[in-house]
Each structure stands twice: as structure tokens, then as C-alpha cells.
Amino acid sequence: MPSTIRLFLLLGISALLFSACSNDKTASASVDLDKLKPEIQAMEDAFAAAEKAKDAAAVAVYYSDDAVSYGRNEEPISGKAAIKERIAQRMAKDTTGNTNVYKVVDLFADGDMVVEIGSWTMNTPSGAVADKGHYMSYFKKRDGKYECVRDMSASSTPTKPSM
């Protein structure tokens, strides 16, 4: 009996060693975050420039056709066309002249997916900060370029108490 236990123990250890040393062919490709960060920041800069120009179509380029956007103080919206329409409606109502700046804070990547944590600042025409907060965007690489599939943002400016 002791020799049988030793044999099973030896076989178990051997199996563990072989599995630990084998190459996992399903492992995802390594992503160079130092190279990726400027690419994602350029997408954020283009988004901000399109907002400033009040060009909803140019803002919507950021999103995939199946994107879902979770905005501040509103229900989520699905699909690039619906997101573009909501952006266009917001732009049509906006008379403040405020502009947004988006900054990549952190990236997490694996294969063809990237999660971005960022900060945003809304500036008045005089340069004062009107609001600020954070956002998270989830990107998938499709046809060689990243597209935002999900995004969400939140203000970190305290709300004023209602009277």
C-alpha cells in the first residue's frame, strides 16, 4: 500500500510539473501600455475637440455600433446612433461655452480589450473649473482600431443642497 501511495504522489507531482511548464497557446498577446496610452489619449483629445466644435458625428466616432453609454444623471443609452442623437441634443441646448478636457489616468489591457480610467474637467470660457470628475471606458480592438464599447462617468464635484 505505501508504494502505491508513493506512485500516485509521484504521478501527481509529475502532472503538476508538466502542466506548469507547458506553453498556454490561449494566452493573450502582450500589450505595450506605454505605446497604447498616447493612442487612447489621442482618442480622448479628438472626443474633446469634437465636443468643442459641436460635431456630434465626430464625437460618435469614439463609440462602437453596439456601445452602451452610462451618463451622469440619465438612463443608459444603447447603440452608436442613439448615443450620437443624445450628444447632438445636448450640444443644441448648450449655451455655456464650457469645454471638457479628458486625461488618461490608468490603463488595463489584455489582448484586444482595454479598460481606461480617466479624469475630466469642464472649464468655463474664462478658464475656471465648472465641474470635474472621473470616467471609465471599455474598448475592444476591431479591424485594427479601438472602439469604446462601454463608458461611464461621474462628477466628483459635491452637489449643492436643495432648499
N, C-alpha and C. Protein backbone atom coordinates (compact mmCIF):
# COMPACT_ATOMS: atom_id res chain seq x y z
N MET A 1 0.80 -1.19 0.00
CA MET A 1 0.00 0.00 0.00
C MET A 1 0.85 1.26 0.00
N PRO A 2 1.91 1.36 0.79
CA PRO A 2 2.73 2.57 0.79
C PRO A 2 3.37 2.82 -0.56
N SER A 3 3.75 1.77 -1.29
CA SER A 3 4.36 2.00 -2.60
C SER A 3 3.33 2.52 -3.60
N THR A 4 2.07 2.13 -3.49
CA THR A 4 1.00 2.63 -4.35
C THR A 4 0.76 4.11 -4.08
N ILE A 5 0.76 4.51 -2.83
CA ILE A 5 0.58 5.92 -2.47
C ILE A 5 1.73 6.74 -3.02
N ARG A 6 2.96 6.20 -2.89
CA ARG A 6 4.12 6.92 -3.42
C ARG A 6 4.03 7.06 -4.94
N LEU A 7 3.57 6.02 -5.61
CA LEU A 7 3.42 6.06 -7.06
C LEU A 7 2.41 7.12 -7.47
N PHE A 8 1.24 7.18 -6.81
CA PHE A 8 0.22 8.20 -7.12
C PHE A 8 0.76 9.60 -6.81
N LEU A 9 1.49 9.73 -5.72
CA LEU A 9 2.07 11.01 -5.36
C LEU A 9 3.08 11.45 -6.42
N LEU A 10 3.93 10.54 -6.87
CA LEU A 10 4.91 10.84 -7.91
C LEU A 10 4.22 11.22 -9.22
N LEU A 11 3.18 10.49 -9.59
CA LEU A 11 2.43 10.81 -10.80
C LEU A 11 1.74 12.17 -10.68
N GLY A 12 1.17 12.47 -9.52
CA GLY A 12 0.51 13.76 -9.29
C GLY A 12 1.48 14.92 -9.40
N ILE A 13 2.65 14.77 -8.78
CA ILE A 13 3.67 15.82 -8.85
C ILE A 13 4.17 15.98 -10.28
N SER A 14 4.36 14.86 -10.98
CA SER A 14 4.80 14.92 -12.38
C SER A 14 3.78 15.66 -13.24
N ALA A 15 2.50 15.38 -13.05
CA ALA A 15 1.45 16.04 -13.82
C ALA A 15 1.45 17.54 -13.55
N LEU A 16 1.62 17.91 -12.30
CA LEU A 16 1.67 19.34 -11.95
C LEU A 16 2.87 20.02 -12.61
N LEU A 17 4.02 19.36 -12.58
CA LEU A 17 5.22 19.94 -13.20
C LEU A 17 5.04 20.10 -14.71
N PHE A 18 4.50 19.08 -15.37
CA PHE A 18 4.29 19.17 -16.81
C PHE A 18 3.29 20.26 -17.16
N SER A 19 2.22 20.37 -16.38
CA SER A 19 1.23 21.40 -16.69
C SER A 19 1.78 22.80 -16.42
N ALA A 20 2.62 22.93 -15.42
CA ALA A 20 3.20 24.24 -15.11
C ALA A 20 4.21 24.66 -16.16
N CYS A 21 4.89 23.71 -16.76
CA CYS A 21 5.92 24.03 -17.74
C CYS A 21 5.39 24.13 -19.16
N SER A 22 4.17 23.71 -19.41
CA SER A 22 3.64 23.74 -20.78
C SER A 22 3.30 25.16 -21.18
N ASN A 23 3.38 25.43 -22.49
CA ASN A 23 3.01 26.75 -23.02
C ASN A 23 1.51 26.80 -23.19
N ASP A 24 0.90 27.87 -22.71
CA ASP A 24 -0.54 28.07 -22.89
C ASP A 24 -0.74 28.81 -24.20
N LYS A 25 -1.23 28.10 -25.21
CA LYS A 25 -1.40 28.69 -26.52
C LYS A 25 -2.57 29.65 -26.57
N THR A 26 -3.41 29.64 -25.53
CA THR A 26 -4.55 30.55 -25.50
C THR A 26 -4.21 31.85 -24.77
N ALA A 27 -2.99 31.98 -24.28
CA ALA A 27 -2.61 33.21 -23.58
C ALA A 27 -2.72 34.40 -24.52
N SER A 28 -3.21 35.50 -24.00
CA SER A 28 -3.43 36.66 -24.85
C SER A 28 -2.12 37.38 -25.14
N ALA A 29 -2.14 38.12 -26.21
CA ALA A 29 -0.96 38.86 -26.64
C ALA A 29 -0.65 39.96 -25.64
N SER A 30 0.61 40.18 -25.45
CA SER A 30 1.06 41.23 -24.54
C SER A 30 0.77 42.59 -25.17
N VAL A 31 0.33 43.54 -24.35
CA VAL A 31 0.01 44.89 -24.83
C VAL A 31 1.02 45.85 -24.22
N ASP A 32 1.64 46.67 -25.06
CA ASP A 32 2.60 47.68 -24.61
C ASP A 32 1.82 48.91 -24.15
N LEU A 33 1.63 49.05 -22.84
CA LEU A 33 0.83 50.15 -22.30
C LEU A 33 1.46 51.51 -22.56
N ASP A 34 2.80 51.57 -22.62
CA ASP A 34 3.47 52.85 -22.91
C ASP A 34 3.16 53.33 -24.33
N LYS A 35 2.97 52.40 -25.24
CA LYS A 35 2.60 52.75 -26.61
C LYS A 35 1.10 53.01 -26.72
N LEU A 36 0.33 52.27 -25.96
CA LEU A 36 -1.13 52.38 -26.03
C LEU A 36 -1.66 53.67 -25.40
N LYS A 37 -1.03 54.13 -24.33
CA LYS A 37 -1.55 55.31 -23.62
C LYS A 37 -1.68 56.53 -24.53
N PRO A 38 -0.67 56.89 -25.34
CA PRO A 38 -0.85 58.04 -26.24
C PRO A 38 -1.95 57.82 -27.27
N GLU A 39 -2.14 56.57 -27.70
CA GLU A 39 -3.21 56.27 -28.67
C GLU A 39 -4.58 56.53 -28.05
N ILE A 40 -4.78 56.07 -26.82
CA ILE A 40 -6.07 56.28 -26.15
C ILE A 40 -6.23 57.77 -25.81
N GLN A 41 -5.14 58.43 -25.39
CA GLN A 41 -5.23 59.87 -25.08
C GLN A 41 -5.61 60.65 -26.34
N ALA A 42 -5.07 60.26 -27.49
CA ALA A 42 -5.43 60.93 -28.75
C ALA A 42 -6.92 60.77 -29.05
N MET A 43 -7.48 59.60 -28.72
CA MET A 43 -8.93 59.42 -28.89
C MET A 43 -9.71 60.35 -27.97
N GLU A 44 -9.23 60.50 -26.74
CA GLU A 44 -9.90 61.41 -25.79
C GLU A 44 -9.78 62.86 -26.25
N ASP A 45 -8.61 63.23 -26.77
CA ASP A 45 -8.41 64.60 -27.27
C ASP A 45 -9.32 64.88 -28.47
N ALA A 46 -9.47 63.90 -29.35
CA ALA A 46 -10.36 64.05 -30.51
C ALA A 46 -11.81 64.18 -30.06
N PHE A 47 -12.18 63.43 -29.05
CA PHE A 47 -13.53 63.50 -28.48
C PHE A 47 -13.79 64.91 -27.96
N ALA A 48 -12.84 65.45 -27.18
CA ALA A 48 -12.99 66.81 -26.62
C ALA A 48 -13.04 67.87 -27.72
N ALA A 49 -12.20 67.71 -28.74
CA ALA A 49 -12.19 68.68 -29.85
C ALA A 49 -13.52 68.65 -30.60
N ALA A 50 -14.08 67.46 -30.79
CA ALA A 50 -15.37 67.34 -31.47
C ALA A 50 -16.49 67.94 -30.63
N GLU A 51 -16.42 67.75 -29.32
CA GLU A 51 -17.41 68.39 -28.44
C GLU A 51 -17.33 69.91 -28.56
N LYS A 52 -16.11 70.42 -28.51
CA LYS A 52 -15.91 71.88 -28.60
C LYS A 52 -16.45 72.42 -29.92
N ALA A 53 -16.27 71.68 -31.00
CA ALA A 53 -16.76 72.08 -32.32
C ALA A 53 -18.25 71.80 -32.49
N LYS A 54 -18.86 71.19 -31.48
CA LYS A 54 -20.28 70.81 -31.52
C LYS A 54 -20.58 69.92 -32.73
N ASP A 55 -19.71 68.93 -32.92
CA ASP A 55 -19.82 67.99 -34.02
C ASP A 55 -20.15 66.60 -33.45
N ALA A 56 -21.43 66.32 -33.33
CA ALA A 56 -21.88 65.06 -32.71
C ALA A 56 -21.38 63.85 -33.48
N ALA A 57 -21.33 63.94 -34.80
CA ALA A 57 -20.86 62.80 -35.61
C ALA A 57 -19.40 62.49 -35.29
N ALA A 58 -18.58 63.52 -35.12
CA ALA A 58 -17.16 63.30 -34.80
C ALA A 58 -17.00 62.74 -33.39
N VAL A 59 -17.87 63.14 -32.46
CA VAL A 59 -17.82 62.56 -31.11
C VAL A 59 -18.18 61.08 -31.19
N ALA A 60 -19.20 60.76 -31.97
CA ALA A 60 -19.70 59.38 -32.04
C ALA A 60 -18.70 58.40 -32.66
N VAL A 61 -17.69 58.90 -33.36
CA VAL A 61 -16.64 58.03 -33.93
C VAL A 61 -15.97 57.22 -32.82
N TYR A 62 -15.94 57.76 -31.63
CA TYR A 62 -15.34 57.13 -30.45
C TYR A 62 -16.01 55.79 -30.13
N TYR A 63 -17.29 55.67 -30.43
CA TYR A 63 -18.10 54.54 -29.99
C TYR A 63 -18.24 53.44 -31.04
N SER A 64 -18.41 52.20 -30.57
CA SER A 64 -18.73 51.08 -31.45
C SER A 64 -20.23 51.12 -31.74
N ASP A 65 -20.64 50.41 -32.77
CA ASP A 65 -22.07 50.36 -33.12
C ASP A 65 -22.92 49.80 -31.99
N ASP A 66 -22.33 48.90 -31.17
CA ASP A 66 -23.07 48.26 -30.09
C ASP A 66 -22.74 48.84 -28.71
N ALA A 67 -22.25 50.06 -28.69
CA ALA A 67 -21.84 50.69 -27.43
C ALA A 67 -23.03 50.96 -26.51
N VAL A 68 -22.73 51.02 -25.22
CA VAL A 68 -23.69 51.46 -24.22
C VAL A 68 -22.99 52.54 -23.41
N SER A 69 -23.66 53.69 -23.28
CA SER A 69 -23.09 54.81 -22.54
C SER A 69 -23.92 55.09 -21.29
N TYR A 70 -23.24 55.15 -20.17
CA TYR A 70 -23.87 55.41 -18.88
C TYR A 70 -23.50 56.84 -18.48
N GLY A 71 -24.37 57.79 -18.77
CA GLY A 71 -24.07 59.19 -18.49
C GLY A 71 -24.49 59.60 -17.09
N ARG A 72 -24.07 60.79 -16.72
CA ARG A 72 -24.42 61.35 -15.41
C ARG A 72 -25.88 61.79 -15.41
N ASN A 73 -26.59 61.38 -14.38
CA ASN A 73 -27.98 61.81 -14.16
C ASN A 73 -28.93 61.46 -15.29
N GLU A 74 -28.70 60.31 -15.94
CA GLU A 74 -29.59 59.89 -17.02
C GLU A 74 -29.51 58.37 -17.17
N GLU A 75 -30.51 57.82 -17.81
CA GLU A 75 -30.54 56.38 -18.06
C GLU A 75 -29.48 56.01 -19.10
N PRO A 76 -28.96 54.78 -19.06
CA PRO A 76 -28.01 54.34 -20.09
C PRO A 76 -28.65 54.39 -21.47
N ILE A 77 -27.81 54.55 -22.48
CA ILE A 77 -28.30 54.59 -23.85
C ILE A 77 -27.48 53.60 -24.68
N SER A 78 -28.15 52.88 -25.57
CA SER A 78 -27.51 51.82 -26.35
C SER A 78 -27.43 52.16 -27.83
N GLY A 79 -26.29 51.83 -28.42
CA GLY A 79 -26.09 51.98 -29.85
C GLY A 79 -25.49 53.31 -30.24
N LYS A 80 -24.58 53.27 -31.19
CA LYS A 80 -23.88 54.47 -31.65
C LYS A 80 -24.86 55.54 -32.13
N ALA A 81 -25.88 55.16 -32.89
CA ALA A 81 -26.83 56.14 -33.43
C ALA A 81 -27.57 56.86 -32.30
N ALA A 82 -28.01 56.13 -31.29
CA ALA A 82 -28.72 56.74 -30.17
C ALA A 82 -27.79 57.63 -29.34
N ILE A 83 -26.56 57.18 -29.16
CA ILE A 83 -25.58 57.98 -28.42
C ILE A 83 -25.31 59.29 -29.18
N LYS A 84 -25.15 59.17 -30.50
CA LYS A 84 -24.93 60.37 -31.33
C LYS A 84 -26.10 61.34 -31.21
N GLU A 85 -27.31 60.82 -31.22
CA GLU A 85 -28.51 61.67 -31.12
C GLU A 85 -28.55 62.38 -29.77
N ARG A 86 -28.24 61.67 -28.68
CA ARG A 86 -28.24 62.30 -27.35
C ARG A 86 -27.17 63.40 -27.29
N ILE A 87 -26.02 63.13 -27.86
CA ILE A 87 -24.93 64.13 -27.88
C ILE A 87 -25.38 65.35 -28.68
N ALA A 88 -26.01 65.14 -29.83
CA ALA A 88 -26.48 66.25 -30.67
C ALA A 88 -27.52 67.08 -29.92
N GLN A 89 -28.42 66.43 -29.20
CA GLN A 89 -29.43 67.15 -28.42
C GLN A 89 -28.78 68.00 -27.33
N ARG A 90 -27.81 67.41 -26.63
CA ARG A 90 -27.09 68.16 -25.59
C ARG A 90 -26.39 69.38 -26.18
N MET A 91 -25.73 69.17 -27.32
CA MET A 91 -24.99 70.27 -27.96
C MET A 91 -25.93 71.38 -28.40
N ALA A 92 -27.10 71.02 -28.90
CA ALA A 92 -28.06 72.01 -29.37
C ALA A 92 -28.57 72.88 -28.22
N LYS A 93 -28.67 72.30 -27.03
CA LYS A 93 -29.17 73.03 -25.85
C LYS A 93 -28.08 73.82 -25.13
N ASP A 94 -26.83 73.48 -25.37
CA ASP A 94 -25.72 74.08 -24.62
C ASP A 94 -25.43 75.50 -25.09
N THR A 95 -25.50 76.43 -24.16
CA THR A 95 -25.16 77.83 -24.46
C THR A 95 -24.05 78.34 -23.55
N THR A 96 -23.43 77.45 -22.78
CA THR A 96 -22.44 77.86 -21.78
C THR A 96 -21.08 78.18 -22.37
N GLY A 97 -20.71 77.51 -23.45
CA GLY A 97 -19.36 77.67 -23.99
C GLY A 97 -18.31 76.91 -23.21
N ASN A 98 -18.75 76.07 -22.26
CA ASN A 98 -17.81 75.26 -21.48
C ASN A 98 -17.16 74.21 -22.37
N THR A 99 -15.92 73.85 -22.04
CA THR A 99 -15.19 72.83 -22.78
C THR A 99 -14.65 71.79 -21.81
N ASN A 100 -14.50 70.58 -22.32
CA ASN A 100 -14.01 69.48 -21.49
C ASN A 100 -12.59 69.10 -21.87
N VAL A 101 -11.87 68.66 -20.86
CA VAL A 101 -10.53 68.10 -21.04
C VAL A 101 -10.56 66.71 -20.41
N TYR A 102 -10.09 65.72 -21.17
CA TYR A 102 -10.06 64.34 -20.70
C TYR A 102 -8.61 63.89 -20.57
N LYS A 103 -8.32 63.18 -19.48
CA LYS A 103 -6.95 62.72 -19.25
C LYS A 103 -6.95 61.25 -18.85
N VAL A 104 -6.15 60.47 -19.58
CA VAL A 104 -5.98 59.06 -19.24
C VAL A 104 -5.20 59.00 -17.92
N VAL A 105 -5.77 58.31 -16.94
CA VAL A 105 -5.11 58.15 -15.65
C VAL A 105 -4.46 56.77 -15.54
N ASP A 106 -5.19 55.75 -15.99
CA ASP A 106 -4.69 54.39 -15.87
C ASP A 106 -5.28 53.53 -16.98
N LEU A 107 -4.53 52.55 -17.42
CA LEU A 107 -4.99 51.61 -18.45
C LEU A 107 -4.74 50.19 -17.97
N PHE A 108 -5.69 49.32 -18.31
CA PHE A 108 -5.56 47.90 -18.06
C PHE A 108 -5.88 47.23 -19.40
N ALA A 109 -4.99 46.38 -19.88
CA ALA A 109 -5.19 45.79 -21.20
C ALA A 109 -4.89 44.30 -21.17
N ASP A 110 -5.63 43.59 -22.01
CA ASP A 110 -5.42 42.16 -22.18
C ASP A 110 -5.92 41.79 -23.57
N GLY A 111 -5.00 41.40 -24.42
CA GLY A 111 -5.38 41.03 -25.78
C GLY A 111 -5.97 42.20 -26.54
N ASP A 112 -7.23 42.05 -26.97
CA ASP A 112 -7.87 43.10 -27.76
C ASP A 112 -8.79 44.00 -26.94
N MET A 113 -8.68 43.92 -25.61
CA MET A 113 -9.53 44.77 -24.78
C MET A 113 -8.70 45.65 -23.87
N VAL A 114 -9.24 46.87 -23.67
CA VAL A 114 -8.57 47.86 -22.82
C VAL A 114 -9.62 48.51 -21.93
N VAL A 115 -9.29 48.69 -20.67
CA VAL A 115 -10.12 49.47 -19.76
C VAL A 115 -9.32 50.70 -19.39
N GLU A 116 -9.94 51.85 -19.59
CA GLU A 116 -9.31 53.13 -19.27
C GLU A 116 -10.02 53.75 -18.08
N ILE A 117 -9.23 54.23 -17.13
CA ILE A 117 -9.74 55.05 -16.04
C ILE A 117 -9.21 56.45 -16.34
N GLY A 118 -10.08 57.43 -16.35
CA GLY A 118 -9.65 58.78 -16.70
C GLY A 118 -10.28 59.83 -15.80
N SER A 119 -9.79 61.04 -15.95
CA SER A 119 -10.38 62.18 -15.25
C SER A 119 -10.83 63.19 -16.29
N TRP A 120 -11.85 63.97 -15.96
CA TRP A 120 -12.32 65.02 -16.86
C TRP A 120 -12.51 66.30 -16.06
N THR A 121 -12.31 67.40 -16.76
CA THR A 121 -12.52 68.72 -16.18
C THR A 121 -13.32 69.54 -17.18
N MET A 122 -14.39 70.16 -16.69
CA MET A 122 -15.19 71.06 -17.52
C MET A 122 -14.78 72.48 -17.16
N ASN A 123 -14.27 73.21 -18.15
CA ASN A 123 -13.81 74.58 -17.94
C ASN A 123 -14.77 75.59 -18.56
N THR A 124 -14.96 76.69 -17.88
CA THR A 124 -15.76 77.79 -18.42
C THR A 124 -14.92 78.51 -19.47
N PRO A 125 -15.53 79.37 -20.28
CA PRO A 125 -14.74 80.13 -21.26
C PRO A 125 -13.62 80.96 -20.63
N SER A 126 -13.79 81.37 -19.37
CA SER A 126 -12.74 82.15 -18.70
C SER A 126 -11.64 81.26 -18.13
N GLY A 127 -11.83 79.94 -18.17
CA GLY A 127 -10.81 79.01 -17.68
C GLY A 127 -11.08 78.47 -16.28
N ALA A 128 -12.14 78.92 -15.64
CA ALA A 128 -12.49 78.42 -14.31
C ALA A 128 -13.06 77.00 -14.43
N VAL A 129 -12.86 76.21 -13.40
CA VAL A 129 -13.39 74.84 -13.40
C VAL A 129 -14.87 74.90 -13.01
N ALA A 130 -15.73 74.43 -13.93
CA ALA A 130 -17.17 74.39 -13.68
C ALA A 130 -17.59 73.07 -13.05
N ASP A 131 -16.90 72.01 -13.38
CA ASP A 131 -17.20 70.67 -12.87
C ASP A 131 -15.99 69.79 -13.17
N LYS A 132 -15.91 68.68 -12.46
CA LYS A 132 -14.82 67.73 -12.71
C LYS A 132 -15.27 66.37 -12.22
N GLY A 133 -14.58 65.35 -12.70
CA GLY A 133 -14.94 64.01 -12.28
C GLY A 133 -14.05 62.96 -12.89
N HIS A 134 -14.58 61.75 -12.95
CA HIS A 134 -13.83 60.60 -13.44
C HIS A 134 -14.71 59.79 -14.39
N TYR A 135 -14.06 59.02 -15.22
CA TYR A 135 -14.79 58.17 -16.15
C TYR A 135 -14.06 56.85 -16.33
N MET A 136 -14.79 55.89 -16.86
CA MET A 136 -14.21 54.60 -17.19
C MET A 136 -14.73 54.23 -18.57
N SER A 137 -13.83 53.82 -19.44
CA SER A 137 -14.20 53.39 -20.79
C SER A 137 -13.61 52.01 -21.05
N TYR A 138 -14.42 51.17 -21.66
CA TYR A 138 -14.01 49.82 -22.03
C TYR A 138 -13.94 49.78 -23.56
N PHE A 139 -12.77 49.44 -24.09
CA PHE A 139 -12.53 49.42 -25.53
C PHE A 139 -12.29 47.99 -26.01
N LYS A 140 -12.73 47.72 -27.23
CA LYS A 140 -12.40 46.48 -27.93
C LYS A 140 -11.71 46.88 -29.23
N LYS A 141 -10.69 46.14 -29.59
CA LYS A 141 -9.99 46.40 -30.85
C LYS A 141 -10.70 45.62 -31.95
N ARG A 142 -11.19 46.37 -32.93
CA ARG A 142 -11.91 45.78 -34.05
C ARG A 142 -11.35 46.36 -35.34
N ASP A 143 -11.03 45.50 -36.27
CA ASP A 143 -10.47 45.94 -37.56
C ASP A 143 -9.26 46.86 -37.36
N GLY A 144 -8.43 46.54 -36.36
CA GLY A 144 -7.18 47.26 -36.14
C GLY A 144 -7.28 48.55 -35.36
N LYS A 145 -8.47 48.92 -34.88
CA LYS A 145 -8.57 50.15 -34.10
C LYS A 145 -9.48 49.93 -32.89
N TYR A 146 -9.21 50.71 -31.85
CA TYR A 146 -10.01 50.59 -30.65
C TYR A 146 -11.29 51.41 -30.79
N GLU A 147 -12.38 50.82 -30.27
CA GLU A 147 -13.67 51.49 -30.22
C GLU A 147 -14.21 51.33 -28.81
N CYS A 148 -14.85 52.38 -28.32
CA CYS A 148 -15.44 52.32 -26.98
C CYS A 148 -16.73 51.50 -27.05
N VAL A 149 -16.80 50.48 -26.21
CA VAL A 149 -17.96 49.60 -26.16
C VAL A 149 -18.85 49.97 -24.97
N ARG A 150 -18.26 50.43 -23.89
CA ARG A 150 -19.00 50.87 -22.71
C ARG A 150 -18.26 52.06 -22.11
N ASP A 151 -19.01 53.04 -21.64
CA ASP A 151 -18.39 54.12 -20.87
C ASP A 151 -19.34 54.59 -19.79
N MET A 152 -18.73 55.18 -18.77
CA MET A 152 -19.48 55.66 -17.62
C MET A 152 -18.69 56.80 -17.00
N SER A 153 -19.41 57.82 -16.53
CA SER A 153 -18.70 58.91 -15.87
C SER A 153 -19.47 59.37 -14.65
N ALA A 154 -18.74 60.02 -13.75
CA ALA A 154 -19.33 60.55 -12.53
C ALA A 154 -18.64 61.84 -12.17
N SER A 155 -19.41 62.78 -11.66
CA SER A 155 -18.86 64.04 -11.19
C SER A 155 -18.31 63.85 -9.78
N SER A 156 -17.20 64.50 -9.49
CA SER A 156 -16.67 64.47 -8.13
C SER A 156 -16.90 65.81 -7.44
N THR A 157 -17.63 66.70 -8.11
CA THR A 157 -17.99 67.98 -7.51
C THR A 157 -19.19 67.76 -6.61
N PRO A 158 -19.10 68.16 -5.34
CA PRO A 158 -20.23 67.97 -4.44
C PRO A 158 -21.48 68.69 -4.96
N THR A 159 -22.62 68.03 -4.80
CA THR A 159 -23.89 68.65 -5.22
C THR A 159 -24.29 69.70 -4.20
N LYS A 160 -24.95 70.71 -4.70
CA LYS A 160 -25.43 71.77 -3.81
C LYS A 160 -26.72 71.29 -3.17
N PRO A 161 -26.86 71.51 -1.87
CA PRO A 161 -28.10 71.07 -1.21
C PRO A 161 -29.31 71.82 -1.76
N SER A 162 -30.39 71.08 -1.95
CA SER A 162 -31.61 71.74 -2.45
C SER A 162 -32.37 72.32 -1.27
N MET A 163 -33.03 73.38 -1.51
CA MET A 163 -33.76 74.06 -0.42
C MET A 163 -35.23 73.89 -0.58
